[in-house]
Protein backbone atom coordinates (compact mmCIF):
# COMPACT_ATOMS: atom_id res chain seq x y z
CA MET A 1 -53.18 81.29 14.77
CA THR A 2 -55.18 81.56 18.05
CA ALA A 3 -54.65 78.79 20.53
CA THR A 4 -57.84 76.82 21.32
CA ILE A 5 -56.51 74.96 24.45
CA PRO A 6 -54.67 77.00 27.21
CA GLY A 7 -50.94 76.76 26.80
CA PHE A 8 -51.12 75.10 23.34
CA THR A 9 -50.13 76.43 19.96
CA THR A 10 -51.93 75.51 16.70
CA GLN A 11 -50.59 74.79 13.23
CA ARG A 12 -51.51 73.33 9.90
CA ILE A 13 -50.01 69.92 9.03
CA PRO A 14 -50.40 68.12 5.75
CA GLY A 15 -52.44 64.97 6.05
CA ALA A 16 -53.07 62.24 3.51
CA ASP A 17 -54.10 63.35 -0.09
CA GLY A 18 -52.99 66.88 0.46
CA VAL A 19 -55.65 67.66 3.11
CA GLU A 20 -54.61 70.29 5.60
CA LEU A 21 -55.25 69.51 9.29
CA HIS A 22 -55.71 71.87 12.14
CA VAL A 23 -53.54 70.61 15.05
CA ALA A 24 -53.08 71.97 18.58
CA VAL A 25 -49.77 71.01 20.30
CA GLY A 26 -48.58 71.50 23.85
CA GLY A 27 -46.19 70.13 26.43
CA THR A 28 -42.89 68.29 26.14
CA GLY A 29 -41.90 64.67 26.30
CA SER A 30 -42.98 61.63 24.38
CA PRO A 31 -45.62 62.46 21.79
CA ILE A 32 -49.20 61.32 22.28
CA VAL A 33 -52.02 61.92 19.73
CA LEU A 34 -55.61 62.37 21.11
CA LEU A 35 -58.52 61.72 18.58
CA HIS A 36 -61.91 63.22 19.00
CA GLY A 37 -65.23 61.52 18.48
CA PHE A 38 -68.04 62.16 15.85
CA PRO A 39 -69.28 64.74 15.44
CA GLN A 40 -66.85 66.63 17.76
CA THR A 41 -63.53 68.52 17.43
CA HIS A 42 -60.22 68.50 19.22
CA LEU A 43 -61.71 70.82 21.83
CA MET A 44 -63.31 67.77 23.53
CA TRP A 45 -59.81 67.37 25.01
CA ARG A 46 -59.50 70.92 26.45
CA GLY A 47 -59.91 69.74 30.01
CA VAL A 48 -57.53 66.78 29.84
CA ALA A 49 -54.85 67.84 27.27
CA PRO A 50 -53.20 70.41 29.70
CA LEU A 51 -52.82 67.85 32.30
CA LEU A 52 -51.15 65.28 30.03
CA ALA A 53 -48.97 68.10 28.64
CA ARG A 54 -47.11 68.16 31.97
CA ARG A 55 -45.44 64.86 30.89
CA PHE A 56 -46.09 64.40 27.21
CA THR A 57 -45.99 66.25 23.92
CA VAL A 58 -49.81 66.20 23.33
CA VAL A 59 -51.08 66.46 19.83
CA CYS A 60 -54.86 67.21 19.28
CA ALA A 61 -56.01 67.32 15.76
CA ASP A 62 -59.33 68.05 14.11
CA LEU A 63 -60.20 65.06 11.76
CA ARG A 64 -60.81 65.95 8.06
CA GLY A 65 -64.25 67.51 7.57
CA TYR A 66 -64.38 68.61 11.26
CA GLY A 67 -63.49 71.74 13.16
CA ARG A 68 -60.82 73.89 11.23
CA SER A 69 -59.37 71.05 9.14
CA GLY A 70 -59.77 70.81 5.51
CA CYS A 71 -62.99 69.52 3.92
CA PRO A 72 -62.02 67.44 0.68
CA ALA A 73 -64.66 67.06 -1.98
CA SER A 74 -66.55 63.90 -1.52
CA THR A 75 -66.82 61.13 -4.21
CA PRO A 76 -69.55 58.67 -5.19
CA ASP A 77 -68.00 56.01 -2.83
CA HIS A 78 -67.32 58.60 -0.07
CA ALA A 79 -63.72 57.34 0.27
CA PRO A 80 -62.32 60.71 1.26
CA TYR A 81 -64.21 60.46 4.53
CA ALA A 82 -63.75 56.80 5.31
CA LYS A 83 -62.14 55.90 8.57
CA ARG A 84 -59.15 54.68 6.66
CA ALA A 85 -58.62 58.07 5.10
CA MET A 86 -58.84 59.65 8.53
CA ALA A 87 -56.44 57.07 9.93
CA ARG A 88 -53.99 57.94 7.19
CA ASP A 89 -54.20 61.60 8.29
CA MET A 90 -53.42 60.77 11.74
CA LEU A 91 -50.64 58.42 10.65
CA ALA A 92 -49.04 61.50 8.86
CA VAL A 93 -49.33 63.65 11.94
CA MET A 94 -47.73 61.03 14.17
CA GLN A 95 -44.95 60.35 11.63
CA GLN A 96 -44.03 63.97 11.66
CA TYR A 97 -43.68 63.98 15.51
CA PHE A 98 -41.86 60.73 15.57
CA ALA A 99 -39.31 62.07 13.11
CA ASP A 100 -39.00 65.23 15.13
CA ARG A 101 -38.33 63.16 18.20
CA ASN A 102 -35.62 61.08 16.37
CA THR A 103 -33.77 64.13 15.04
CA ARG A 104 -33.89 66.28 18.11
CA GLN A 105 -30.34 66.84 19.53
CA MET A 106 -29.72 65.41 23.08
CA ILE A 107 -28.81 67.90 25.81
CA PRO A 108 -25.62 66.66 27.59
CA SER A 109 -26.12 65.74 31.20
CA ARG A 110 -23.84 67.08 34.00
CA GLN A 111 -22.02 63.66 33.97
CA MET A 112 -21.25 64.18 30.23
CA GLU A 113 -19.85 67.73 30.85
CA ALA A 114 -17.77 66.88 33.92
CA PRO A 115 -14.14 68.00 33.62
CA GLY A 116 -11.55 65.65 32.35
CA ARG A 117 -14.08 63.34 30.56
CA SER A 118 -13.00 62.32 27.06
CA MET A 119 -15.49 62.29 24.16
CA TYR A 120 -15.21 58.40 24.24
CA SER A 121 -16.23 58.36 28.04
CA LYS A 122 -19.02 60.88 27.46
CA SER A 123 -20.62 58.75 24.74
CA MET A 124 -21.46 56.10 27.21
CA PHE A 125 -24.15 58.40 28.57
CA MET A 126 -25.55 59.11 25.03
CA VAL A 127 -27.94 56.30 24.52
CA ASN A 128 -30.15 57.30 21.64
CA ARG A 129 -33.54 55.60 21.59
CA ARG A 130 -35.10 55.61 18.16
CA TRP A 131 -38.90 56.03 18.01
CA GLU A 132 -40.69 53.99 15.37
CA LEU A 133 -44.34 53.92 14.59
CA HIS A 134 -46.06 50.67 13.46
CA VAL A 135 -49.64 50.69 12.09
CA TRP A 136 -51.65 47.51 12.57
CA GLU A 137 -54.79 47.28 10.41
CA LEU A 138 -57.21 44.49 11.12
CA THR A 139 -59.34 43.08 8.31
CA GLY A 140 -62.08 40.44 8.05
CA ALA A 141 -64.24 38.97 10.80
CA ALA A 142 -63.59 39.85 14.30
CA ALA A 143 -62.98 36.21 15.19
CA THR A 144 -59.79 36.41 13.18
CA TRP A 145 -58.34 39.60 14.86
CA GLN A 146 -56.60 37.73 17.76
CA ALA A 147 -54.45 35.73 15.33
CA GLN A 148 -53.78 38.90 13.23
CA LEU A 149 -52.63 40.80 16.35
CA GLU A 150 -50.36 37.93 17.44
CA ARG A 151 -48.73 37.96 13.91
CA HIS A 152 -48.21 41.76 14.05
CA LEU A 153 -46.77 41.64 17.51
CA ALA A 154 -44.29 38.84 16.63
CA GLN A 155 -43.14 40.61 13.35
CA GLU A 156 -43.15 44.18 14.99
CA PRO A 157 -42.67 44.10 18.77
CA VAL A 158 -44.00 47.13 20.29
CA PHE A 159 -44.08 48.54 23.93
CA ALA A 160 -47.63 49.97 23.71
CA VAL A 161 -50.67 50.41 21.55
CA ILE A 162 -51.06 54.19 21.22
CA SER A 163 -54.74 55.19 20.47
CA GLY A 164 -56.58 53.27 17.73
CA LEU A 165 -59.69 53.58 15.78
CA GLY A 166 -62.50 51.07 16.35
CA GLY A 167 -66.07 50.51 15.60
CA GLU A 168 -68.72 48.57 17.63
CA ASN A 169 -66.46 45.69 18.61
CA TRP A 170 -63.21 46.46 20.45
CA ALA A 171 -63.38 43.35 22.62
CA PRO A 172 -60.88 41.24 20.59
CA VAL A 173 -58.19 43.96 20.80
CA HIS A 174 -58.87 44.59 24.43
CA GLU A 175 -58.52 40.90 25.21
CA PHE A 176 -55.33 40.62 23.28
CA CYS A 177 -53.73 43.53 25.13
CA GLU A 178 -54.69 42.10 28.44
CA LYS A 179 -53.38 38.72 27.51
CA SER A 180 -50.07 40.03 26.08
CA ALA A 181 -49.49 42.59 28.94
CA LEU A 182 -49.45 45.33 26.28
CA PRO A 183 -50.67 48.80 27.30
CA CYS A 184 -53.50 50.19 25.11
CA LEU A 185 -53.84 53.92 25.66
CA PHE A 186 -56.99 55.96 24.79
CA PRO A 187 -58.44 54.01 21.87
CA ASN A 188 -61.27 55.73 20.06
CA VAL A 189 -64.04 53.19 20.41
CA GLU A 190 -67.74 53.38 20.46
CA VAL A 191 -68.35 50.93 23.37
CA PRO A 192 -65.36 50.41 25.69
CA VAL A 193 -64.96 46.94 27.29
CA GLU A 194 -65.59 46.64 31.06
CA ALA A 195 -64.07 44.00 33.26
CA VAL A 196 -63.14 43.92 36.93
CA ASP A 197 -59.57 42.50 36.63
CA ASP A 198 -58.41 44.28 33.46
CA PHE A 199 -55.31 46.42 33.80
CA TYR A 200 -53.58 47.33 30.48
CA SER A 201 -56.37 49.19 28.58
CA ILE A 202 -57.05 52.72 29.46
CA TYR A 203 -60.09 54.47 28.05
CA PHE A 204 -60.70 58.25 27.99
CA SER A 205 -64.34 57.80 28.68
CA LYS A 206 -66.83 54.97 29.15
CA GLY A 207 -68.79 56.67 26.34
CA VAL A 208 -72.25 55.23 25.81
CA LEU A 209 -71.80 53.04 28.92
CA LEU A 210 -71.50 56.22 30.99
CA GLU A 211 -74.61 57.70 29.23
CA ALA A 212 -76.57 54.60 30.08
CA GLU A 213 -75.49 54.80 33.72
CA LEU A 214 -76.49 58.47 33.94
CA ILE A 215 -79.83 57.82 32.29
CA ALA A 216 -80.61 54.83 34.73
CA ARG A 217 -79.72 57.03 37.67
CA LYS A 218 -82.01 59.67 36.41
CA VAL A 219 -84.90 57.21 35.94
CA LEU A 220 -84.41 55.72 39.35
CA ALA A 221 -84.30 59.15 41.03
CA THR A 222 -87.58 60.01 39.47
CA ALA A 223 -89.25 56.72 40.35
CA ALA A 224 -91.34 58.44 43.13
CA GLY A 225 -92.46 61.34 40.90
CA PRO A 226 -93.90 61.51 37.33
CA PRO A 227 -92.90 58.54 35.22
CA VAL A 228 -90.12 59.11 32.60
CA LYS A 229 -91.90 59.01 29.14
CA GLU A 230 -89.07 59.74 26.71
CA VAL A 231 -85.22 59.52 26.63
CA HIS A 232 -83.52 61.57 23.89
CA GLN A 233 -80.17 60.80 22.49
CA ILE A 234 -78.83 64.16 21.38
CA TYR A 235 -76.20 62.93 18.85
CA ARG A 236 -74.15 60.02 17.80
CA ALA A 237 -77.27 58.19 16.82
CA GLY A 238 -75.27 55.84 14.73
CA ASP A 239 -73.58 54.50 17.78
CA SER A 240 -76.80 53.21 19.41
CA GLY A 241 -76.05 49.56 18.64
CA GLU A 242 -79.03 49.29 16.36
CA GLN A 243 -78.84 46.41 13.85
CA ALA A 244 -79.30 47.03 10.00
CA GLN A 245 -82.29 45.33 8.50
CA PRO A 246 -84.23 45.50 5.27
CA THR A 247 -86.41 48.53 5.31
CA ASP A 248 -89.13 49.89 2.94
CA MET A 249 -87.70 53.31 2.13
CA ALA A 250 -90.77 54.24 0.00
CA LEU A 251 -92.95 53.77 3.05
CA ALA A 252 -90.42 55.68 5.24
CA LEU A 253 -90.48 58.72 2.93
CA GLU A 254 -94.29 58.59 2.78
CA GLU A 255 -94.31 58.81 6.60
CA LEU A 256 -92.02 61.90 6.39
CA ARG A 257 -94.32 63.57 3.88
CA SER A 258 -97.46 62.88 6.02
CA ASP A 259 -95.62 64.29 9.14
CA ALA A 260 -94.74 67.45 7.19
CA GLU A 261 -98.30 67.99 6.02
CA ARG A 262 -99.65 67.46 9.58
CA ASN A 263 -97.44 70.40 10.56
CA GLY A 264 -98.90 72.64 7.85
CA HIS A 265 -96.48 72.31 5.01
CA ALA A 266 -97.17 71.49 1.35
CA ALA A 267 -95.16 68.24 0.70
CA THR A 268 -94.78 65.72 -2.08
CA VAL A 269 -92.95 62.38 -2.25
CA ALA A 270 -91.78 60.12 -5.00
CA PHE A 271 -89.69 56.97 -5.09
CA HIS A 272 -88.10 55.27 -7.98
CA GLY A 273 -86.49 51.78 -8.09
CA LEU A 274 -86.79 48.82 -5.58
CA PRO A 275 -87.81 50.36 -2.26
CA ILE A 276 -86.24 47.68 0.15
CA VAL A 277 -82.94 48.85 1.39
CA THR A 278 -80.83 47.49 4.37
CA VAL A 279 -80.24 50.29 6.85
CA LYS A 280 -80.46 50.91 10.61
CA PRO A 281 -84.09 51.97 10.31
CA ALA A 282 -84.54 54.19 13.34
CA SER A 283 -81.16 55.94 12.76
CA PHE A 284 -81.61 56.53 9.10
CA LYS A 285 -85.13 57.77 9.51
CA ARG A 286 -83.75 60.24 12.09
CA CYS A 287 -81.29 61.37 9.47
CA LEU A 288 -83.92 62.04 6.81
CA ALA A 289 -86.32 63.48 9.43
CA ASN A 290 -83.65 66.14 10.35
CA LEU A 291 -83.39 67.10 6.67
CA VAL A 292 -87.14 67.42 6.24
CA SER A 293 -87.40 69.30 9.56
CA ASN A 294 -84.70 71.67 8.53
CA ALA A 295 -86.54 72.36 5.34
CA ALA A 296 -89.82 72.86 7.17
CA ARG A 297 -88.39 75.56 9.39
CA HIS A 298 -87.52 77.76 6.52
CA ALA A 299 -89.83 76.92 3.61
CA ASN A 300 -93.54 76.56 2.77
CA ALA A 301 -93.27 73.66 0.19
CA ILE A 302 -91.08 70.56 0.39
CA SER A 303 -90.38 67.87 -2.23
CA ILE A 304 -88.91 64.39 -1.03
CA THR A 305 -87.51 62.18 -3.76
CA GLY A 306 -85.88 58.66 -3.33
CA HIS A 307 -84.02 56.85 -5.98
CA ARG A 308 -82.46 53.40 -5.61
CA ASP A 309 -80.21 51.79 -8.18
CA HIS A 310 -77.73 48.87 -8.08
CA ARG A 311 -75.18 51.01 -6.21
CA TYR A 312 -76.77 53.68 -4.19
CA LEU A 313 -79.86 54.89 -2.37
CA THR A 314 -80.24 58.63 -2.90
CA VAL A 315 -82.77 60.77 -1.09
CA THR A 316 -83.16 64.49 -1.94
CA VAL A 317 -85.13 67.04 0.11
CA ASP A 318 -85.93 70.22 -1.92
CA ASP A 319 -87.55 73.36 -0.58
CA ASP A 320 -88.53 76.89 -1.65
CA GLY A 321 -86.87 78.63 1.24
CA PRO A 322 -84.06 81.06 1.34
CA GLY A 323 -81.23 78.35 0.90
CA ILE A 324 -77.71 78.56 2.25
CA PRO A 325 -74.89 80.53 0.50
CA GLN A 326 -72.39 78.21 -1.22
CA GLN A 327 -69.52 79.27 0.92
CA MET A 328 -71.42 78.34 4.18
CA ARG A 329 -72.62 74.88 3.15
CA GLU A 330 -69.97 73.01 4.89
CA GLU A 331 -69.93 75.26 7.88
CA VAL A 332 -73.63 74.51 8.75
CA PHE A 333 -72.62 70.79 9.44
CA LYS A 334 -70.58 71.92 12.45
CA PRO A 335 -72.40 71.20 15.73
CA PHE A 336 -74.01 74.15 17.53
CA LEU A 337 -72.98 76.64 14.68
CA ARG A 338 -75.31 79.65 14.71
CA LEU A 339 -75.75 81.67 11.50
CA ASP A 340 -78.41 84.26 11.07
CA ASP A 341 -80.68 81.64 9.59
CA ALA A 342 -78.56 78.66 10.64
CA ARG A 343 -80.69 75.88 8.97
CA ASN A 344 -78.80 73.46 11.29
CA GLN A 345 -81.58 72.52 13.67
CA ASP A 346 -82.90 69.20 14.69
CA GLU A 347 -86.61 68.69 15.71
CA GLY A 348 -85.84 70.10 19.14
CA GLY A 349 -84.03 73.24 17.86
CA THR A 350 -80.61 72.32 19.30
CA GLY A 351 -78.51 73.36 16.41
CA LEU A 352 -77.28 69.71 15.74
CA GLY A 353 -79.73 68.71 12.97
CA LEU A 354 -77.40 68.64 10.06
CA ALA A 355 -74.45 67.45 12.14
CA ILE A 356 -76.45 64.55 13.33
CA ALA A 357 -77.87 63.75 9.85
CA ARG A 358 -74.29 63.71 8.22
CA ASP A 359 -72.99 61.59 11.09
CA ILE A 360 -75.68 59.01 10.55
CA ALA A 361 -75.23 59.04 6.81
CA ARG A 362 -71.43 58.47 7.17
CA SER A 363 -72.02 55.75 9.73
CA HIS A 364 -73.90 54.01 6.77
CA GLY A 365 -70.86 54.53 4.49
CA GLY A 366 -72.57 57.61 2.76
CA ASP A 367 -72.72 61.26 3.10
CA ILE A 368 -74.83 64.36 2.83
CA MET A 369 -74.28 67.13 0.26
CA LEU A 370 -76.03 70.55 0.01
CA GLY A 371 -76.76 72.44 -3.16
CA ASP A 372 -79.33 74.57 -5.01
CA SER A 373 -82.85 73.35 -5.41
CA PRO A 374 -84.86 73.80 -8.60
CA MET A 375 -87.69 75.03 -6.24
CA GLY A 376 -85.48 77.99 -5.48
CA GLY A 377 -84.33 77.01 -2.04
CA LEU A 378 -81.95 74.29 -0.58
CA ARG A 379 -81.40 70.79 -1.88
CA ALA A 380 -80.17 68.40 0.77
CA THR A 381 -78.99 65.00 -0.77
CA ALA A 382 -78.31 61.93 1.29
CA ARG A 383 -76.60 59.14 -0.46
CA ILE A 384 -75.61 55.72 0.95
CA PRO A 385 -74.33 52.51 -0.72
CA VAL A 386 -76.71 49.59 -0.93
């Protein structure tokens, strides 16, 4: 398979539940696994991975549903795409490389091969270190994580925390590593912790903090010119820090219908069930707006339907456009993918619309599926738990 990072080879590795993962590997030495963000692929590491490969065996994998890795069928509870499922995949990848490290034959040094040495005297140079991987999963409120981490470290002493998956609050893990003098290398977190005296935690990027700094500099640089009116977040809208709150979804869908009609499209809307649902309102409206905008680009008529029951909020967007062939329906969720009629556009036409929408839906614990519409075009269905 063609290498995607200079000097790296690619292979398929079985992850959890039989999902095949696309993995790029390069370098020699201790294994280190690099995790990409959402919605990205292992290629985000193409500038850094060759540098790390000078001293490490670097493993860059596409998470399930991203890049060239397998896309398992979703379920009503969307468990196949939960972070725990992705973590099990990465655990399977790391276990394979740890096992390879433990079984690899040692190359005798010059001291071992010196003339006149007996096998017994040579053995004193053959200290075999066994690599073992421990997985620490934190549950419950963040206030309890410190005690959980202390128990894990007492039961399973380790020399470093390698990577890690975290959501909005990584501070308890960061503080524990600093307090315990435990290196924490390249955790995959939404908002890194910044402190002047910290030493043991190393982040690949400051993420949204870096974005905020760049935006602030841009705003300051234009202070003498025309005022900045709008700042657009291109993707990862689910990471904005917005708090979930009860939202009238019937009203939100009506606003989408009104917007579509103002842009010259025939649109209808219907909502069934209790309309108040707890979501991140701006983010989730962006998710649905991208689905409606995608339909509006390729169709004349649009139908928006919402349904809320005791388990799920389901919103379908139907259109009478050309649709998407079944074999391409997962492909169009890939960022920047261009087809003849890509149907992966956001309101600005960047080719990220469906990727953004799915990322937001998954940040709410749900997903987006594409299918055939009874109107003859495409049906996009967003479903999240309530």
